[in-house]
Amino acid sequence: MIRSPSGLFSQEPDGQKHKRRAASSQFQGHLAQRGSFTIVNPYSFVGKLPAVNNQFPELVDAIFELEKHVSSETSQSCLQNNFLKSESTTLAPTHCAVNSNIEFSPHFANAKGQEHSFSTIIGVGDYVGGEFAVDDKSYDIRYEALKFDGWKQIHSTKHFRGERFSLVWFTPERRETGTSKGDVSFEDTKAMELVEAHALALPSHPLLHFRQNSTDALVINEILGIDQGCTYELSPMAWRSMTKQNNKREDAQIGFSLKGHEAVLDIGAHIGVFCRYALSVGCKGIIAFEPESENLKLLEKNLLHSNTADLISEGGVTIHQCAVAHGEPGMKNFVNARNRTDGSLNTWRHSLEKHSQYVDKKGTRLPSTGQESILARSTVQTVSFFGKGGALVPGITFVKMDCEGAEVDILLSPESSHISNWLDTKNLVFEWSFSKERRVQMFHKAIHNLESAGFNVAYEGQGSWWDTESSNCMWPYHSDLVIFAMRK
């Protein structure tokens, strides 16, 4: 059995903000230690090795020795016939993802696999359940490997109890070399393709700016991605399936969409990708709030032609350099996110100190000694969401809220339960930060507030095994959850 070295598993797999994807299991009534990291094969990978390789060399050797044994044995396979023909020419995998007590809801692997490569997964540990599903077919992988195409076959993990580790060997497509900007990752290349395609819908705007080797590319993929669509919208079929709406209703026909909305409020605007998307589908007015200074610079470039401070307005776009939080406005401490362990810039986990997932309550040191020892801090202006002088103003019909935990206090407040406080809002989409508030009971309190205010609320997993109002039920998943609410 493979056991986790002490302190090896982080609270959040770096670089992941994939909505409604990862989850942890309960073990003997408690949340088991959970997390993920990726190692590379030092014998088949050319390039700089990640820090975890140097930190746990014996574990790395053991995992890739196990892969040799697994590949030499007859294992399960759900690869297509034409893929099987190329297996004999496939080199040893360059990477292995190590997962501890994590369930994954249906998804495709990020990025792209090297040509003729496939993935191999095996489960180890003392657990029951936890079958691995590929294209809706389940496989028992406990001590029995399975070959699959992680990039083209949708896969997920069934619920389990116990201590479950999984090893996934794979070979991603290598980075391409640029002419003047050095190595360009697959994520950045894909983001640029999406940016160029999106530019056709906004010919009067300059090309969208983003930072290479950062999480900006992941934001672009979530909002402009052609295959899965915008994270903050639902197709008519998805909306109907979540809400069980009568097909004759107008909202059941159009789904949960930005189309038809002229005024949008974006709380946590980041670099303006969602704002640009809103403009491209016909929204005329945008009010955006973004407190982080470096994100703000790109937000201004992407939305405006002028470049002033604090309150910027041009045409139908207004930008506020403020954080939105429940309570009286004022200056509050702000904590920047730590960068990813691969050295890339993390641009989307910045939050008010009260909600920061990086702050050690006993001090200010980061959990990783390999990074800077002190968290970057600043002070930012905050404004309330409701009420006079608040972020929500008359005329706004679509609200997107992704403010790294601040939405918890806003939606738990008594004000959120009164229909009059929502003014003209028809659609509300937000990310509920379970990483900050894990009690499902509190989540349901926020949902009840919205229902009292006249919203029909939908989210993935509604009514499933975890969706209970039991006072001792904790959110069992690893990632946060996107909630869709539409005024009835």
Protein backbone atom coordinates (compact mmCIF):
# COMPACT_ATOMS: atom_id res chain seq x y z
CA MET A 1 0.00 0.00 0.00
CA ILE A 2 1.21 3.51 -0.80
CA ARG A 3 0.97 5.85 2.14
CA SER A 4 1.13 9.62 2.01
CA PRO A 5 4.28 11.27 3.38
CA SER A 6 3.43 13.65 6.21
CA GLY A 7 2.37 17.03 4.90
CA LEU A 8 2.59 16.03 1.27
CA PHE A 9 -1.02 16.57 0.30
CA SER A 10 -2.07 20.20 0.06
CA GLN A 11 -5.50 21.56 0.83
CA GLU A 12 -5.99 22.53 -2.80
CA PRO A 13 -4.39 21.05 -5.89
CA ASP A 14 -2.47 23.96 -7.39
CA GLY A 15 -3.82 25.44 -10.56
CA GLN A 16 -7.28 23.94 -10.20
CA LYS A 17 -10.38 25.96 -10.17
CA HIS A 18 -12.46 23.55 -12.16
CA LYS A 19 -15.99 24.05 -10.99
CA ARG A 20 -17.89 21.08 -9.59
CA ARG A 21 -15.10 18.63 -10.23
CA ALA A 22 -13.14 17.18 -7.31
CA ALA A 23 -14.42 15.78 -4.02
CA SER A 24 -13.18 14.08 -0.88
CA SER A 25 -14.67 11.10 0.90
CA GLN A 26 -15.63 10.67 4.52
CA PHE A 27 -13.78 8.05 6.55
CA GLN A 28 -14.95 6.95 10.00
CA GLY A 29 -17.05 10.09 10.33
CA HIS A 30 -14.23 12.52 9.57
CA LEU A 31 -12.93 14.11 6.41
CA ALA A 32 -9.84 12.13 5.51
CA GLN A 33 -6.61 13.77 4.44
CA ARG A 34 -7.06 14.69 0.81
CA GLY A 35 -5.27 16.35 -2.05
CA SER A 36 -3.34 15.84 -5.27
CA PHE A 37 0.08 16.43 -6.72
CA THR A 38 1.91 15.47 -9.90
CA ILE A 39 5.37 13.97 -10.30
CA VAL A 40 7.37 13.40 -13.48
CA ASN A 41 9.39 10.41 -14.63
CA PRO A 42 13.06 11.42 -14.32
CA TYR A 43 14.01 8.73 -16.84
CA SER A 44 11.68 9.78 -19.66
CA PHE A 45 11.09 13.48 -19.04
CA VAL A 46 13.41 16.14 -20.45
CA GLY A 47 13.29 19.41 -18.54
CA LYS A 48 13.23 20.84 -15.03
CA LEU A 49 11.86 18.44 -12.43
CA PRO A 50 9.19 19.72 -10.03
CA ALA A 51 10.10 20.29 -6.40
CA VAL A 52 8.05 17.31 -5.22
CA ASN A 53 10.36 14.98 -7.20
CA ASN A 54 13.35 16.18 -5.21
CA GLN A 55 11.41 16.12 -1.97
CA PHE A 56 10.29 12.48 -2.27
CA PRO A 57 12.73 10.67 -4.58
CA GLU A 58 12.00 7.21 -3.18
CA LEU A 59 8.27 7.65 -3.76
CA VAL A 60 8.92 8.79 -7.34
CA ASP A 61 11.07 5.73 -8.06
CA ALA A 62 8.48 3.39 -6.52
CA ILE A 63 5.60 4.86 -8.52
CA PHE A 64 7.33 4.60 -11.88
CA GLU A 65 8.66 1.11 -11.06
CA LEU A 66 5.05 0.15 -10.36
CA GLU A 67 4.07 1.56 -13.76
CA LYS A 68 6.59 -0.76 -15.45
CA HIS A 69 5.02 -3.73 -13.68
CA VAL A 70 1.49 -2.59 -14.52
CA SER A 71 2.32 -2.02 -18.20
CA SER A 72 3.88 -5.48 -18.50
CA GLU A 73 0.79 -7.18 -17.08
CA THR A 74 -2.54 -7.68 -18.82
CA SER A 75 -4.75 -4.85 -17.65
CA GLN A 76 -8.24 -3.61 -18.31
CA SER A 77 -8.70 -1.27 -21.23
CA CYS A 78 -11.49 0.93 -22.53
CA LEU A 79 -9.46 2.42 -25.39
CA GLN A 80 -10.90 2.49 -28.88
CA ASN A 81 -9.69 -0.17 -31.33
CA ASN A 82 -7.64 2.25 -33.44
CA PHE A 83 -5.98 3.50 -30.28
CA LEU A 84 -5.05 -0.02 -29.19
CA LYS A 85 -3.08 -0.54 -32.39
CA SER A 86 -0.68 2.26 -31.43
CA GLU A 87 -0.03 1.09 -27.88
CA SER A 88 3.11 -0.81 -28.80
CA THR A 89 4.78 2.38 -30.01
CA THR A 90 3.97 4.37 -26.89
CA LEU A 91 6.90 5.39 -24.71
CA ALA A 92 6.90 5.27 -20.92
CA PRO A 93 4.61 7.94 -19.43
CA THR A 94 6.27 11.17 -18.36
CA HIS A 95 3.87 12.14 -15.55
CA CYS A 96 1.86 10.62 -12.72
CA ALA A 97 -0.94 12.28 -10.77
CA VAL A 98 -1.15 11.07 -7.18
CA ASN A 99 -4.57 11.55 -5.59
CA SER A 100 -5.48 11.00 -1.95
CA ASN A 101 -9.14 10.47 -1.01
CA ILE A 102 -10.50 12.42 -3.96
CA GLU A 103 -13.58 11.83 -6.05
CA PHE A 104 -13.80 13.44 -9.45
CA SER A 105 -17.14 14.27 -11.03
CA PRO A 106 -17.38 13.70 -14.82
CA HIS A 107 -14.69 15.63 -16.73
CA PHE A 108 -12.05 15.45 -19.41
CA ALA A 109 -8.36 15.85 -18.57
CA ASN A 110 -6.94 19.35 -18.88
CA ALA A 111 -4.63 20.30 -21.74
CA LYS A 112 -3.89 17.69 -24.41
CA GLY A 113 -2.18 14.32 -24.56
CA GLN A 114 0.89 13.55 -26.60
CA GLU A 115 0.04 11.81 -29.86
CA HIS A 116 -0.61 8.06 -29.42
CA SER A 117 -0.43 8.40 -25.64
CA PHE A 118 -3.03 7.15 -23.19
CA SER A 119 -3.60 7.20 -19.45
CA THR A 120 -3.38 4.35 -16.97
CA ILE A 121 -5.04 4.44 -13.55
CA ILE A 122 -4.91 2.13 -10.56
CA GLY A 123 -6.51 2.42 -7.14
CA VAL A 124 -4.83 1.36 -3.92
CA GLY A 125 -5.77 1.50 -0.26
CA ASP A 126 -8.36 0.23 2.19
CA TYR A 127 -11.67 1.36 0.74
CA VAL A 128 -14.99 0.16 -0.63
CA GLY A 129 -16.74 1.58 -3.67
CA GLY A 130 -14.73 4.11 -5.64
CA GLU A 131 -15.19 2.50 -9.05
CA PHE A 132 -13.78 4.45 -11.98
CA ALA A 133 -16.35 5.40 -14.62
CA VAL A 134 -15.37 6.00 -18.25
CA ASP A 135 -18.06 7.01 -20.74
CA ASP A 136 -20.75 5.86 -18.28
CA LYS A 137 -19.24 2.39 -17.79
CA SER A 138 -17.80 1.51 -14.37
CA TYR A 139 -14.54 -0.35 -13.71
CA ASP A 140 -13.17 -1.74 -10.47
CA ILE A 141 -9.59 -0.42 -10.40
CA ARG A 142 -8.61 -1.43 -6.85
CA TYR A 143 -5.21 -3.07 -7.44
CA GLU A 144 -6.14 -3.58 -11.10
CA ALA A 145 -4.99 -1.05 -13.69
CA LEU A 146 -7.18 0.43 -16.42
CA LYS A 147 -6.05 2.05 -19.68
CA PHE A 148 -8.17 4.94 -20.97
CA ASP A 149 -7.92 8.17 -22.97
CA GLY A 150 -8.23 10.87 -20.35
CA TRP A 151 -8.37 13.67 -22.91
CA LYS A 152 -11.15 12.24 -25.09
CA GLN A 153 -13.13 9.98 -22.76
CA ILE A 154 -15.18 11.53 -19.98
CA HIS A 155 -14.31 9.95 -16.63
CA SER A 156 -15.24 10.20 -12.97
CA THR A 157 -15.01 8.47 -9.58
CA LYS A 158 -17.88 6.73 -7.81
CA HIS A 159 -18.48 7.49 -4.13
CA PHE A 160 -16.36 5.48 -1.72
CA ARG A 161 -15.69 4.97 1.97
CA GLY A 162 -12.26 4.38 3.41
CA GLU A 163 -8.77 5.49 2.49
CA ARG A 164 -8.36 5.54 -1.27
CA PHE A 165 -5.32 6.54 -3.33
CA SER A 166 -5.26 6.58 -7.10
CA LEU A 167 -2.28 6.83 -9.45
CA VAL A 168 -2.80 8.15 -12.97
CA TRP A 169 0.12 7.83 -15.40
CA PHE A 170 -0.05 10.00 -18.51
CA THR A 171 2.02 11.91 -21.07
CA PRO A 172 0.83 15.45 -21.86
CA GLU A 173 1.71 17.26 -25.03
CA ARG A 174 5.06 18.99 -24.67
CA ARG A 175 5.30 22.76 -24.53
CA GLU A 176 5.82 24.59 -27.77
CA THR A 177 8.65 27.08 -28.09
CA GLY A 178 7.72 30.66 -29.02
CA THR A 179 9.88 33.01 -31.04
CA SER A 180 10.41 35.70 -28.43
CA LYS A 181 8.45 34.83 -25.33
CA GLY A 182 10.11 31.54 -24.48
CA ASP A 183 8.07 28.43 -23.76
CA VAL A 184 4.34 28.74 -24.26
CA SER A 185 2.23 26.22 -22.36
CA PHE A 186 -0.66 24.36 -23.91
CA GLU A 187 -3.05 26.36 -21.69
CA ASP A 188 -1.65 29.66 -22.98
CA THR A 189 -1.76 28.48 -26.59
CA LYS A 190 -5.38 27.36 -26.20
CA ALA A 191 -6.27 30.62 -24.44
CA MET A 192 -4.81 32.65 -27.31
CA GLU A 193 -6.85 30.63 -29.81
CA LEU A 194 -10.00 31.40 -27.81
CA VAL A 195 -9.06 35.07 -27.49
CA GLU A 196 -8.55 35.38 -31.25
CA ALA A 197 -11.85 33.64 -31.97
CA HIS A 198 -13.64 35.86 -29.43
CA ALA A 199 -12.17 38.99 -31.03
CA LEU A 200 -14.39 38.42 -34.06
CA ALA A 201 -17.43 39.10 -31.85
CA LEU A 202 -15.95 42.40 -30.58
CA PRO A 203 -14.20 43.96 -33.57
CA SER A 204 -14.22 47.43 -31.98
CA HIS A 205 -12.21 46.24 -28.96
CA PRO A 206 -8.49 45.48 -28.78
CA LEU A 207 -7.39 41.86 -28.42
CA LEU A 208 -7.94 40.63 -24.86
CA HIS A 209 -4.74 40.88 -22.79
CA PHE A 210 -3.70 38.12 -20.37
CA ARG A 211 -0.55 36.98 -18.58
CA GLN A 212 1.27 33.94 -19.85
CA ASN A 213 2.28 31.25 -17.36
CA SER A 214 -0.57 32.20 -15.07
CA THR A 215 -4.11 31.12 -14.19
CA ASP A 216 -5.46 33.79 -16.57
CA ALA A 217 -5.52 31.11 -19.28
CA LEU A 218 -7.77 28.89 -17.16
CA VAL A 219 -10.24 31.76 -16.67
CA ILE A 220 -10.34 32.30 -20.43
CA ASN A 221 -11.03 28.62 -21.03
CA GLU A 222 -13.85 28.56 -18.46
CA ILE A 223 -15.64 31.53 -19.96
CA LEU A 224 -14.77 31.53 -23.66
CA GLY A 225 -14.29 27.78 -24.11
CA ILE A 226 -16.20 26.68 -27.17
CA ASP A 227 -16.72 23.04 -26.19
CA GLN A 228 -18.18 23.42 -22.69
CA GLY A 229 -19.53 26.96 -23.00
CA CYS A 230 -19.39 29.71 -20.41
CA THR A 231 -19.17 28.43 -16.83
CA TYR A 232 -21.77 30.96 -15.73
CA GLU A 233 -24.47 29.90 -18.20
CA LEU A 234 -26.64 26.80 -18.60
CA SER A 235 -28.11 25.44 -21.79
CA PRO A 236 -31.92 25.03 -21.91
CA MET A 237 -31.50 21.26 -21.44
CA ALA A 238 -29.20 21.68 -18.44
CA TRP A 239 -31.47 24.27 -16.85
CA ARG A 240 -34.54 22.10 -17.34
CA SER A 241 -32.82 19.03 -15.91
CA MET A 242 -31.66 20.91 -12.82
CA THR A 243 -34.93 22.72 -12.13
CA LYS A 244 -37.45 20.20 -13.54
CA GLN A 245 -39.07 23.15 -15.32
CA ASN A 246 -42.13 22.81 -17.51
CA ASN A 247 -40.89 23.02 -21.09
CA LYS A 248 -43.56 25.62 -21.93
CA ARG A 249 -42.01 28.17 -19.61
CA GLU A 250 -39.95 30.85 -21.32
CA ASP A 251 -36.90 30.37 -19.08
CA ALA A 252 -36.96 26.64 -19.81
CA GLN A 253 -36.61 27.46 -23.49
CA ILE A 254 -33.67 29.88 -23.23
CA GLY A 255 -31.90 28.31 -20.25
CA PHE A 256 -29.76 30.39 -17.92
CA SER A 257 -28.18 32.85 -20.30
CA LEU A 258 -26.70 36.34 -20.55
CA LYS A 259 -28.55 36.90 -23.79
CA GLY A 260 -31.35 39.42 -23.45
CA HIS A 261 -29.74 41.25 -20.52
CA GLU A 262 -28.65 44.83 -21.11
CA ALA A 263 -27.04 45.60 -17.74
CA VAL A 264 -24.65 43.26 -15.91
CA LEU A 265 -22.94 43.49 -12.50
CA ASP A 266 -19.65 41.57 -12.29
CA ILE A 267 -18.29 41.18 -8.74
CA GLY A 268 -14.80 39.74 -8.89
CA ALA A 269 -14.21 40.85 -12.48
CA HIS A 270 -10.57 39.63 -12.58
CA ILE A 271 -9.11 40.71 -15.95
CA GLY A 272 -12.49 41.24 -17.61
CA VAL A 273 -13.03 38.00 -19.52
CA PHE A 274 -16.64 37.64 -18.35
CA CYS A 275 -17.29 41.33 -19.03
CA ARG A 276 -15.98 40.93 -22.57
CA TYR A 277 -18.17 37.88 -23.04
CA ALA A 278 -21.19 39.84 -21.80
CA LEU A 279 -20.50 42.61 -24.32
CA SER A 280 -20.14 40.05 -27.11
CA VAL A 281 -23.65 38.66 -26.51
CA GLY A 282 -25.31 42.07 -26.53
CA CYS A 283 -25.05 43.52 -23.02
CA LYS A 284 -24.89 47.31 -23.18
CA GLY A 285 -23.97 48.21 -19.61
CA ILE A 286 -21.26 46.66 -17.43
CA ILE A 287 -20.46 47.50 -13.79
CA ALA A 288 -17.32 45.68 -12.65
CA PHE A 289 -15.68 45.41 -9.22
CA GLU A 290 -12.07 44.23 -8.88
CA PRO A 291 -9.85 45.08 -5.87
CA GLU A 292 -6.53 43.49 -6.87
CA SER A 293 -4.26 46.09 -8.49
CA GLU A 294 -2.53 43.92 -11.13
CA ASN A 295 -5.80 42.35 -12.24
CA LEU A 296 -7.28 45.85 -12.39
CA LYS A 297 -4.62 47.04 -14.85
CA LEU A 298 -5.57 44.30 -17.29
CA LEU A 299 -9.27 44.85 -16.62
CA GLU A 300 -8.85 48.47 -17.71
CA LYS A 301 -6.88 47.49 -20.81
CA ASN A 302 -9.48 44.94 -21.78
CA LEU A 303 -12.53 47.14 -21.28
CA LEU A 304 -11.45 50.77 -21.62
CA HIS A 305 -9.41 53.11 -23.74
CA SER A 306 -8.63 55.50 -20.88
CA ASN A 307 -6.52 54.67 -17.84
CA THR A 308 -7.40 56.50 -14.63
CA ALA A 309 -7.88 55.33 -11.07
CA ASP A 310 -10.58 54.24 -8.60
CA LEU A 311 -13.75 54.89 -10.63
CA ILE A 312 -13.46 54.58 -14.38
CA SER A 313 -16.37 55.02 -16.74
CA GLU A 314 -16.41 54.87 -20.51
CA GLY A 315 -19.45 54.29 -22.63
CA GLY A 316 -21.44 51.56 -20.96
CA VAL A 317 -18.58 50.24 -18.81
CA THR A 318 -17.85 51.31 -15.22
CA ILE A 319 -15.00 49.86 -13.15
CA HIS A 320 -14.64 50.17 -9.38
CA GLN A 321 -11.36 49.32 -7.65
CA CYS A 322 -13.20 47.94 -4.63
CA ALA A 323 -14.03 44.67 -2.93
CA VAL A 324 -17.69 43.91 -2.29
CA ALA A 325 -18.45 42.61 1.20
CA HIS A 326 -21.39 42.54 3.59
CA GLY A 327 -21.48 45.31 6.16
CA GLU A 328 -20.40 48.90 6.38
CA PRO A 329 -17.98 50.16 3.72
CA GLY A 330 -14.39 50.86 4.74
CA MET A 331 -10.79 49.77 4.37
CA LYS A 332 -10.06 46.09 4.99
CA ASN A 333 -7.02 43.80 4.82
CA PHE A 334 -6.54 41.99 1.55
CA VAL A 335 -4.42 38.85 0.98
CA ASN A 336 -2.93 37.83 -2.36
CA ALA A 337 -2.98 34.18 -3.34
CA ARG A 338 0.21 32.12 -3.22
CA ASN A 339 1.60 31.13 -6.59
CA ARG A 340 1.33 27.57 -7.84
CA THR A 341 4.07 25.13 -6.94
CA ASP A 342 5.22 24.97 -10.57
CA GLY A 343 6.10 28.66 -10.34
CA SER A 344 3.22 29.96 -12.44
CA LEU A 345 1.33 33.02 -11.26
CA ASN A 346 -1.90 32.50 -9.34
CA THR A 347 -4.15 35.43 -10.21
CA TRP A 348 -7.56 34.36 -8.97
CA ARG A 349 -7.51 33.35 -5.29
CA HIS A 350 -6.94 36.83 -3.85
CA SER A 351 -9.46 37.64 -1.11
CA LEU A 352 -10.24 39.68 1.95
CA GLU A 353 -8.20 38.41 4.87
CA LYS A 354 -11.33 37.25 6.67
CA HIS A 355 -11.96 34.77 3.87
CA SER A 356 -8.43 33.89 2.80
CA GLN A 357 -7.68 30.18 2.61
CA TYR A 358 -3.95 30.85 2.85
CA VAL A 359 -3.81 32.59 6.21
CA ASP A 360 -2.50 30.52 9.09
CA LYS A 361 -4.62 31.64 12.05
CA LYS A 362 -1.50 31.47 14.21
CA GLY A 363 0.60 33.62 11.90
CA THR A 364 1.21 34.66 8.34
CA ARG A 365 3.48 31.97 6.94
CA LEU A 366 2.62 30.03 3.84
CA PRO A 367 2.08 26.27 4.09
CA SER A 368 4.93 25.63 1.65
CA THR A 369 8.49 26.40 2.72
CA GLY A 370 9.52 26.35 -0.93
CA GLN A 371 7.67 29.58 -1.57
CA GLU A 372 7.92 33.05 -0.06
CA SER A 373 7.52 32.89 3.69
CA ILE A 374 5.19 35.86 4.04
CA LEU A 375 1.86 36.36 2.32
CA ALA A 376 1.54 39.55 0.27
CA ARG A 377 -0.96 41.87 1.95
CA SER A 378 -2.54 45.24 1.26
CA THR A 379 -5.61 47.24 2.22
CA VAL A 380 -8.54 47.73 -0.11
CA GLN A 381 -11.71 49.76 -0.10
CA THR A 382 -14.89 47.73 0.43
CA VAL A 383 -18.49 48.53 -0.42
CA SER A 384 -21.65 46.75 0.60
CA PHE A 385 -23.71 44.72 -1.86
CA PHE A 386 -27.20 45.84 -0.84
CA GLY A 387 -28.54 49.27 0.03
CA LYS A 388 -27.79 52.86 -0.79
CA GLY A 389 -24.26 53.26 -2.10
CA GLY A 390 -23.97 49.49 -2.58
CA ALA A 391 -22.78 47.57 -5.60
CA LEU A 392 -26.26 46.53 -6.75
CA VAL A 393 -28.04 49.43 -8.42
CA PRO A 394 -31.34 49.82 -10.32
CA GLY A 395 -31.28 48.59 -13.90
CA ILE A 396 -29.00 45.61 -13.27
CA THR A 397 -30.74 42.42 -14.39
CA PHE A 398 -27.83 39.92 -14.39
CA VAL A 399 -25.44 39.52 -11.44
CA LYS A 400 -22.29 37.39 -11.49
CA MET A 401 -20.59 37.03 -8.10
CA ASP A 402 -17.21 35.31 -7.66
CA CYS A 403 -15.59 37.04 -4.71
CA GLU A 404 -13.66 34.29 -2.90
CA GLY A 405 -15.78 33.85 0.22
CA ALA A 406 -17.34 37.28 0.57
CA GLU A 407 -20.51 35.92 -1.03
CA VAL A 408 -21.10 33.76 2.05
CA ASP A 409 -21.81 36.72 4.35
CA ILE A 410 -23.77 38.54 1.64
CA LEU A 411 -26.12 35.63 0.95
CA LEU A 412 -26.51 34.64 4.60
CA SER A 413 -27.55 38.17 5.53
CA PRO A 414 -31.25 38.92 6.26
CA GLU A 415 -31.19 41.45 3.42
CA SER A 416 -30.74 38.68 0.84
CA SER A 417 -34.13 37.15 1.71
CA HIS A 418 -36.16 40.25 0.76
CA ILE A 419 -37.20 40.55 -2.86
CA SER A 420 -37.12 44.35 -2.79
CA ASN A 421 -33.38 44.40 -2.01
CA TRP A 422 -32.60 42.63 -5.28
CA LEU A 423 -34.08 45.54 -7.24
CA ASP A 424 -34.28 44.56 -10.93
CA THR A 425 -32.16 41.40 -10.73
CA LYS A 426 -33.56 38.54 -12.76
CA ASN A 427 -30.53 36.23 -12.96
CA LEU A 428 -27.91 35.62 -10.28
CA VAL A 429 -24.96 33.27 -10.68
CA PHE A 430 -22.33 32.86 -7.99
CA GLU A 431 -19.65 30.53 -6.73
CA TRP A 432 -20.33 29.36 -3.20
CA SER A 433 -16.98 29.01 -1.44
CA PHE A 434 -17.27 25.72 0.40
CA SER A 435 -13.53 26.00 0.95
CA LYS A 436 -14.39 28.83 3.37
CA GLU A 437 -17.73 27.58 4.76
CA ARG A 438 -18.06 23.78 4.64
CA ARG A 439 -21.33 23.42 6.58
CA VAL A 440 -24.06 22.33 4.19
CA GLN A 441 -26.59 23.70 6.66
CA MET A 442 -25.27 27.23 6.09
CA PHE A 443 -25.36 26.71 2.34
CA HIS A 444 -29.02 25.73 2.60
CA LYS A 445 -29.72 28.81 4.67
CA ALA A 446 -28.39 30.96 1.83
CA ILE A 447 -30.47 29.00 -0.69
CA HIS A 448 -33.60 29.49 1.44
CA ASN A 449 -32.90 33.22 1.56
CA LEU A 450 -32.82 33.34 -2.23
CA GLU A 451 -35.98 31.28 -2.52
CA SER A 452 -37.69 33.65 -0.08
CA ALA A 453 -36.64 36.50 -2.37
CA GLY A 454 -38.43 34.83 -5.28
CA PHE A 455 -35.57 33.00 -6.98
CA ASN A 456 -35.69 29.54 -8.48
CA VAL A 457 -32.31 28.01 -7.51
CA ALA A 458 -30.40 25.26 -9.31
CA TYR A 459 -27.00 23.64 -8.85
CA GLU A 460 -25.28 20.43 -9.80
CA GLY A 461 -25.98 17.65 -7.30
CA GLN A 462 -29.22 19.15 -6.04
CA GLY A 463 -31.10 16.49 -4.07
CA SER A 464 -28.19 14.03 -4.11
CA TRP A 465 -26.71 12.16 -1.15
CA TRP A 466 -24.77 15.14 0.22
CA ASP A 467 -27.60 17.63 -0.28
CA THR A 468 -29.08 17.37 3.19
CA GLU A 469 -29.95 19.96 5.79
CA SER A 470 -28.63 17.81 8.62
CA SER A 471 -26.84 20.08 11.08
CA ASN A 472 -23.73 17.88 11.16
CA CYS A 473 -23.37 17.38 7.41
CA MET A 474 -20.20 18.86 5.92
CA TRP A 475 -19.53 19.57 2.24
CA PRO A 476 -17.82 16.39 1.03
CA TYR A 477 -16.28 17.73 -2.17
CA HIS A 478 -12.98 19.39 -2.85
CA SER A 479 -13.98 22.24 -5.15
CA ASP A 480 -16.46 25.08 -4.82
CA LEU A 481 -19.86 25.06 -6.49
CA VAL A 482 -21.54 27.30 -9.06
CA ILE A 483 -25.13 28.24 -8.16
CA PHE A 484 -27.70 29.51 -10.65
CA ALA A 485 -30.71 31.52 -9.44
CA MET A 486 -33.47 32.99 -11.63
CA ARG A 487 -36.31 35.21 -10.50
CA LYS A 488 -39.56 33.28 -10.84
